[in-house]
Amino acid sequence: MPEFKERETEGKREKKEELAPYLKEAKKRKKWMAELKDDEIPNVEALGRQIIEEAKNKEAANKKKKTAV
């Protein structure tokens, strides 16, 4: 319904204007983290790859158990 959309848009605008001074002050107080250098960024293995590797390791361990018996 167009009249509700119009009011919703107006309400969002009013709320944004009302909160603007508080957001501005909060951003002034914010302590920003220093940007990381390339060598400081940790390497992270994708979860999917971790799952595949674990499955391969379990499969290999099961084969060893079967051949040992």
PDB file of N, CA and C in Angstrom:
ATOM      1  N   MET A   1       0.838  -1.174   0.000  1.00  0.00           N
ATOM      2  CA  MET A   1       0.000   0.000   0.000  1.00  0.00           C
ATOM      3  C   MET A   1       0.886   1.242   0.000  1.00  0.00           C
ATOM      4  N   PRO A   2       0.663   2.101  -0.952  1.00  0.00           N
ATOM      5  CA  PRO A   2       1.537   3.266  -1.136  1.00  0.00           C
ATOM      6  C   PRO A   2       1.619   4.193   0.079  1.00  0.00           C
ATOM      7  N   GLU A   3       0.492   4.407   0.764  1.00  0.00           N
ATOM      8  CA  GLU A   3       0.524   5.350   1.898  1.00  0.00           C
ATOM      9  C   GLU A   3       1.402   4.824   3.034  1.00  0.00           C
ATOM     10  N   PHE A   4       1.428   3.509   3.218  1.00  0.00           N
ATOM     11  CA  PHE A   4       2.274   2.934   4.260  1.00  0.00           C
ATOM     12  C   PHE A   4       3.746   3.006   3.859  1.00  0.00           C
ATOM     13  N   LYS A   5       4.029   2.767   2.600  1.00  0.00           N
ATOM     14  CA  LYS A   5       5.404   2.857   2.101  1.00  0.00           C
ATOM     15  C   LYS A   5       5.940   4.274   2.292  1.00  0.00           C
ATOM     16  N   GLU A   6       5.088   5.251   1.984  1.00  0.00           N
ATOM     17  CA  GLU A   6       5.486   6.650   2.114  1.00  0.00           C
ATOM     18  C   GLU A   6       5.795   6.978   3.571  1.00  0.00           C
ATOM     19  N   ARG A   7       4.928   6.519   4.481  1.00  0.00           N
ATOM     20  CA  ARG A   7       5.144   6.780   5.904  1.00  0.00           C
ATOM     21  C   ARG A   7       6.388   6.059   6.414  1.00  0.00           C
ATOM     22  N   GLU A   8       6.607   4.852   5.919  1.00  0.00           N
ATOM     23  CA  GLU A   8       7.772   4.078   6.339  1.00  0.00           C
ATOM     24  C   GLU A   8       9.059   4.794   5.927  1.00  0.00           C
ATOM     25  N   THR A   9       9.094   5.271   4.706  1.00  0.00           N
ATOM     26  CA  THR A   9      10.265   5.987   4.200  1.00  0.00           C
ATOM     27  C   THR A   9      10.493   7.260   5.006  1.00  0.00           C
ATOM     28  N   GLU A  10       9.419   7.973   5.280  1.00  0.00           N
ATOM     29  CA  GLU A  10       9.515   9.212   6.056  1.00  0.00           C
ATOM     30  C   GLU A  10       9.980   8.909   7.478  1.00  0.00           C
ATOM     31  N   GLY A  11       9.457   7.845   8.065  1.00  0.00           N
ATOM     32  CA  GLY A  11       9.841   7.458   9.424  1.00  0.00           C
ATOM     33  C   GLY A  11      11.313   7.094   9.518  1.00  0.00           C
ATOM     34  N   LYS A  12      11.806   6.374   8.525  1.00  0.00           N
ATOM     35  CA  LYS A  12      13.226   6.014   8.508  1.00  0.00           C
ATOM     36  C   LYS A  12      14.101   7.256   8.404  1.00  0.00           C
ATOM     37  N   ARG A  13      13.678   8.196   7.570  1.00  0.00           N
ATOM     38  CA  ARG A  13      14.437   9.436   7.399  1.00  0.00           C
ATOM     39  C   ARG A  13      14.473  10.213   8.712  1.00  0.00           C
ATOM     40  N   GLU A  14      13.311  10.330   9.373  1.00  0.00           N
ATOM     41  CA  GLU A  14      13.233  11.061  10.641  1.00  0.00           C
ATOM     42  C   GLU A  14      14.103  10.397  11.706  1.00  0.00           C
ATOM     43  N   LYS A  15      14.051   9.076  11.760  1.00  0.00           N
ATOM     44  CA  LYS A  15      14.842   8.346  12.747  1.00  0.00           C
ATOM     45  C   LYS A  15      16.335   8.569  12.508  1.00  0.00           C
ATOM     46  N   LYS A  16      16.738   8.534  11.245  1.00  0.00           N
ATOM     47  CA  LYS A  16      18.141   8.743  10.885  1.00  0.00           C
ATOM     48  C   LYS A  16      18.587  10.143  11.311  1.00  0.00           C
ATOM     49  N   GLU A  17      17.747  11.145  11.050  1.00  0.00           N
ATOM     50  CA  GLU A  17      18.064  12.522  11.433  1.00  0.00           C
ATOM     51  C   GLU A  17      18.141  12.660  12.951  1.00  0.00           C
ATOM     52  N   GLU A  18      17.236  11.983  13.653  1.00  0.00           N
ATOM     53  CA  GLU A  18      17.184  12.063  15.108  1.00  0.00           C
ATOM     54  C   GLU A  18      18.429  11.432  15.744  1.00  0.00           C
ATOM     55  N   LEU A  19      18.892  10.338  15.172  1.00  0.00           N
ATOM     56  CA  LEU A  19      20.035   9.626  15.741  1.00  0.00           C
ATOM     57  C   LEU A  19      21.387  10.155  15.269  1.00  0.00           C
ATOM     58  N   ALA A  20      21.402  10.985  14.252  1.00  0.00           N
ATOM     59  CA  ALA A  20      22.649  11.471  13.652  1.00  0.00           C
ATOM     60  C   ALA A  20      23.632  12.066  14.663  1.00  0.00           C
ATOM     61  N   PRO A  21      23.204  12.957  15.570  1.00  0.00           N
ATOM     62  CA  PRO A  21      24.183  13.535  16.505  1.00  0.00           C
ATOM     63  C   PRO A  21      24.804  12.480  17.431  1.00  0.00           C
ATOM     64  N   TYR A  22      24.019  11.499  17.830  1.00  0.00           N
ATOM     65  CA  TYR A  22      24.523  10.448  18.714  1.00  0.00           C
ATOM     66  C   TYR A  22      25.535   9.562  17.976  1.00  0.00           C
ATOM     67  N   LEU A  23      25.235   9.256  16.732  1.00  0.00           N
ATOM     68  CA  LEU A  23      26.150   8.451  15.932  1.00  0.00           C
ATOM     69  C   LEU A  23      27.461   9.194  15.688  1.00  0.00           C
ATOM     70  N   LYS A  24      27.353  10.485  15.451  1.00  0.00           N
ATOM     71  CA  LYS A  24      28.539  11.301  15.200  1.00  0.00           C
ATOM     72  C   LYS A  24      29.455  11.293  16.423  1.00  0.00           C
ATOM     73  N   GLU A  25      28.872  11.467  17.604  1.00  0.00           N
ATOM     74  CA  GLU A  25      29.655  11.462  18.844  1.00  0.00           C
ATOM     75  C   GLU A  25      30.247  10.081  19.120  1.00  0.00           C
ATOM     76  N   ALA A  26      29.491   9.046  18.859  1.00  0.00           N
ATOM     77  CA  ALA A  26      29.983   7.685  19.078  1.00  0.00           C
ATOM     78  C   ALA A  26      31.163   7.385  18.165  1.00  0.00           C
ATOM     79  N   LYS A  27      31.095   7.837  16.929  1.00  0.00           N
ATOM     80  CA  LYS A  27      32.196   7.609  15.986  1.00  0.00           C
ATOM     81  C   LYS A  27      33.453   8.368  16.411  1.00  0.00           C
ATOM     82  N   LYS A  28      33.279   9.523  17.050  1.00  0.00           N
ATOM     83  CA  LYS A  28      34.436  10.280  17.543  1.00  0.00           C
ATOM     84  C   LYS A  28      35.150   9.501  18.647  1.00  0.00           C
ATOM     85  N   ARG A  29      34.371   8.816  19.508  1.00  0.00           N
ATOM     86  CA  ARG A  29      34.943   8.069  20.627  1.00  0.00           C
ATOM     87  C   ARG A  29      35.522   6.721  20.208  1.00  0.00           C
ATOM     88  N   LYS A  30      35.105   6.235  19.070  1.00  0.00           N
ATOM     89  CA  LYS A  30      35.520   4.904  18.607  1.00  0.00           C
ATOM     90  C   LYS A  30      37.026   4.851  18.426  1.00  0.00           C
ATOM     91  N   LYS A  31      37.640   3.796  18.954  1.00  0.00           N
ATOM     92  CA  LYS A  31      39.069   3.576  18.764  1.00  0.00           C
ATOM     93  C   LYS A  31      39.211   2.580  17.630  1.00  0.00           C
ATOM     94  N   TRP A  32      39.679   3.064  16.492  1.00  0.00           N
ATOM     95  CA  TRP A  32      39.788   2.234  15.304  1.00  0.00           C
ATOM     96  C   TRP A  32      41.049   1.397  15.363  1.00  0.00           C
ATOM     97  N   MET A  33      40.922   0.155  14.936  1.00  0.00           N
ATOM     98  CA  MET A  33      42.059  -0.761  14.893  1.00  0.00           C
ATOM     99  C   MET A  33      42.989  -0.354  13.746  1.00  0.00           C
ATOM    100  N   ALA A  34      44.290  -0.452  14.002  1.00  0.00           N
ATOM    101  CA  ALA A  34      45.261  -0.137  12.955  1.00  0.00           C
ATOM    102  C   ALA A  34      45.153  -1.174  11.840  1.00  0.00           C
ATOM    103  N   GLU A  35      45.357  -0.719  10.626  1.00  0.00           N
ATOM    104  CA  GLU A  35      45.259  -1.613   9.481  1.00  0.00           C
ATOM    105  C   GLU A  35      46.397  -2.633   9.525  1.00  0.00           C
ATOM    106  N   LEU A  36      46.066  -3.897   9.273  1.00  0.00           N
ATOM    107  CA  LEU A  36      47.070  -4.955   9.300  1.00  0.00           C
ATOM    108  C   LEU A  36      47.941  -4.917   8.054  1.00  0.00           C
ATOM    109  N   LYS A  37      49.215  -5.270   8.250  1.00  0.00           N
ATOM    110  CA  LYS A  37      50.117  -5.420   7.111  1.00  0.00           C
ATOM    111  C   LYS A  37      49.864  -6.798   6.517  1.00  0.00           C
ATOM    112  N   ASP A  38      50.271  -6.998   5.272  1.00  0.00           N
ATOM    113  CA  ASP A  38      50.017  -8.270   4.594  1.00  0.00           C
ATOM    114  C   ASP A  38      50.566  -9.463   5.369  1.00  0.00           C
ATOM    115  N   ASP A  39      51.762  -9.319   5.957  1.00  0.00           N
ATOM    116  CA  ASP A  39      52.353 -10.449   6.680  1.00  0.00           C
ATOM    117  C   ASP A  39      51.702 -10.680   8.044  1.00  0.00           C
ATOM    118  N   GLU A  40      50.876  -9.762   8.508  1.00  0.00           N
ATOM    119  CA  GLU A  40      50.176  -9.913   9.783  1.00  0.00           C
ATOM    120  C   GLU A  40      48.817 -10.594   9.632  1.00  0.00           C
ATOM    121  N   ILE A  41      48.357 -10.741   8.418  1.00  0.00           N
ATOM    122  CA  ILE A  41      47.055 -11.361   8.171  1.00  0.00           C
ATOM    123  C   ILE A  41      47.210 -12.875   8.268  1.00  0.00           C
ATOM    124  N   PRO A  42      46.465 -13.522   9.175  1.00  0.00           N
ATOM    125  CA  PRO A  42      46.625 -14.974   9.343  1.00  0.00           C
ATOM    126  C   PRO A  42      46.047 -15.747   8.159  1.00  0.00           C
ATOM    127  N   ASN A  43      46.689 -16.869   7.835  1.00  0.00           N
ATOM    128  CA  ASN A  43      46.166 -17.758   6.798  1.00  0.00           C
ATOM    129  C   ASN A  43      45.080 -18.625   7.416  1.00  0.00           C
ATOM    130  N   VAL A  44      43.972 -18.731   6.744  1.00  0.00           N
ATOM    131  CA  VAL A  44      42.849 -19.514   7.242  1.00  0.00           C
ATOM    132  C   VAL A  44      42.454 -20.513   6.172  1.00  0.00           C
ATOM    133  N   GLU A  45      42.356 -21.782   6.581  1.00  0.00           N
ATOM    134  CA  GLU A  45      41.950 -22.815   5.636  1.00  0.00           C
ATOM    135  C   GLU A  45      40.426 -22.860   5.587  1.00  0.00           C
ATOM    136  N   ALA A  46      39.894 -22.973   4.397  1.00  0.00           N
ATOM    137  CA  ALA A  46      38.443 -23.012   4.225  1.00  0.00           C
ATOM    138  C   ALA A  46      37.869 -24.225   4.954  1.00  0.00           C
ATOM    139  N   LEU A  47      36.715 -24.065   5.557  1.00  0.00           N
ATOM    140  CA  LEU A  47      36.085 -25.135   6.324  1.00  0.00           C
ATOM    141  C   LEU A  47      35.828 -26.358   5.459  1.00  0.00           C
ATOM    142  N   GLY A  48      35.400 -26.163   4.239  1.00  0.00           N
ATOM    143  CA  GLY A  48      35.138 -27.286   3.341  1.00  0.00           C
ATOM    144  C   GLY A  48      36.384 -28.128   3.121  1.00  0.00           C
ATOM    145  N   ARG A  49      37.511 -27.482   2.983  1.00  0.00           N
ATOM    146  CA  ARG A  49      38.778 -28.204   2.789  1.00  0.00           C
ATOM    147  C   ARG A  49      39.166 -28.955   4.057  1.00  0.00           C
ATOM    148  N   GLN A  50      38.907 -28.365   5.208  1.00  0.00           N
ATOM    149  CA  GLN A  50      39.196 -29.043   6.475  1.00  0.00           C
ATOM    150  C   GLN A  50      38.377 -30.321   6.586  1.00  0.00           C
ATOM    151  N   ILE A  51      37.120 -30.252   6.230  1.00  0.00           N
ATOM    152  CA  ILE A  51      36.232 -31.411   6.310  1.00  0.00           C
ATOM    153  C   ILE A  51      36.712 -32.509   5.368  1.00  0.00           C
ATOM    154  N   ILE A  52      37.095 -32.142   4.164  1.00  0.00           N
ATOM    155  CA  ILE A  52      37.577 -33.125   3.181  1.00  0.00           C
ATOM    156  C   ILE A  52      38.857 -33.794   3.679  1.00  0.00           C
ATOM    157  N   GLU A  53      39.784 -33.009   4.222  1.00  0.00           N
ATOM    158  CA  GLU A  53      41.039 -33.567   4.732  1.00  0.00           C
ATOM    159  C   GLU A  53      40.777 -34.528   5.889  1.00  0.00           C
ATOM    160  N   GLU A  54      39.883 -34.146   6.810  1.00  0.00           N
ATOM    161  CA  GLU A  54      39.553 -35.024   7.936  1.00  0.00           C
ATOM    162  C   GLU A  54      38.945 -36.327   7.443  1.00  0.00           C
ATOM    163  N   ALA A  55      38.075 -36.250   6.457  1.00  0.00           N
ATOM    164  CA  ALA A  55      37.445 -37.451   5.904  1.00  0.00           C
ATOM    165  C   ALA A  55      38.497 -38.353   5.263  1.00  0.00           C
ATOM    166  N   LYS A  56      39.438 -37.774   4.533  1.00  0.00           N
ATOM    167  CA  LYS A  56      40.510 -38.560   3.913  1.00  0.00           C
ATOM    168  C   LYS A  56      41.364 -39.242   4.977  1.00  0.00           C
ATOM    169  N   ASN A  57      41.693 -38.504   6.034  1.00  0.00           N
ATOM    170  CA  ASN A  57      42.515 -39.069   7.109  1.00  0.00           C
ATOM    171  C   ASN A  57      41.797 -40.214   7.814  1.00  0.00           C
ATOM    172  N   LYS A  58      40.504 -40.059   8.072  1.00  0.00           N
ATOM    173  CA  LYS A  58      39.726 -41.123   8.714  1.00  0.00           C
ATOM    174  C   LYS A  58      39.661 -42.350   7.814  1.00  0.00           C
ATOM    175  N   GLU A  59      39.466 -42.114   6.528  1.00  0.00           N
ATOM    176  CA  GLU A  59      39.386 -43.209   5.562  1.00  0.00           C
ATOM    177  C   GLU A  59      40.712 -43.970   5.517  1.00  0.00           C
ATOM    178  N   ALA A  60      41.813 -43.249   5.505  1.00  0.00           N
ATOM    179  CA  ALA A  60      43.137 -43.878   5.480  1.00  0.00           C
ATOM    180  C   ALA A  60      43.378 -44.667   6.763  1.00  0.00           C
ATOM    181  N   ALA A  61      42.964 -44.120   7.901  1.00  0.00           N
ATOM    182  CA  ALA A  61      43.133 -44.818   9.178  1.00  0.00           C
ATOM    183  C   ALA A  61      42.297 -46.090   9.204  1.00  0.00           C
ATOM    184  N   ASN A  62      41.088 -46.045   8.671  1.00  0.00           N
ATOM    185  CA  ASN A  62      40.224 -47.230   8.630  1.00  0.00           C
ATOM    186  C   ASN A  62      40.833 -48.312   7.745  1.00  0.00           C
ATOM    187  N   LYS A  63      41.440 -47.933   6.632  1.00  0.00           N
ATOM    188  CA  LYS A  63      42.081 -48.901   5.734  1.00  0.00           C
ATOM    189  C   LYS A  63      43.251 -49.583   6.433  1.00  0.00           C
ATOM    190  N   LYS A  64      44.026 -48.792   7.208  1.00  0.00           N
ATOM    191  CA  LYS A  64      45.163 -49.357   7.940  1.00  0.00           C
ATOM    192  C   LYS A  64      44.681 -50.372   8.975  1.00  0.00           C
ATOM    193  N   LYS A  65      43.580 -50.050   9.660  1.00  0.00           N
ATOM    194  CA  LYS A  65      43.032 -50.965  10.668  1.00  0.00           C
ATOM    195  C   LYS A  65      42.598 -52.272  10.023  1.00  0.00           C
ATOM    196  N   LYS A  66      41.940 -52.181   8.876  1.00  0.00           N
ATOM    197  CA  LYS A  66      41.435 -53.371   8.189  1.00  0.00           C
ATOM    198  C   LYS A  66      42.581 -54.250   7.696  1.00  0.00           C
ATOM    199  N   THR A  67      43.647 -53.641   7.199  1.00  0.00           N
ATOM    200  CA  THR A  67      44.778 -54.429   6.688  1.00  0.00           C
ATOM    201  C   THR A  67      45.610 -54.998   7.829  1.00  0.00           C
ATOM    202  N   ALA A  68      45.588 -54.367   8.991  1.00  0.00           N
ATOM    203  CA  ALA A  68      46.345 -54.851  10.145  1.00  0.00           C
ATOM    204  C   ALA A  68      45.683 -56.071  10.765  1.00  0.00           C
ATOM    205  N   VAL A  69      44.405 -56.238  10.584  1.00  0.00           N
ATOM    206  CA  VAL A  69      43.671 -57.351  11.208  1.00  0.00           C
ATOM    207  C   VAL A  69      43.809 -58.605  10.462  1.00  0.00           C
TER     208      VAL A  69
END
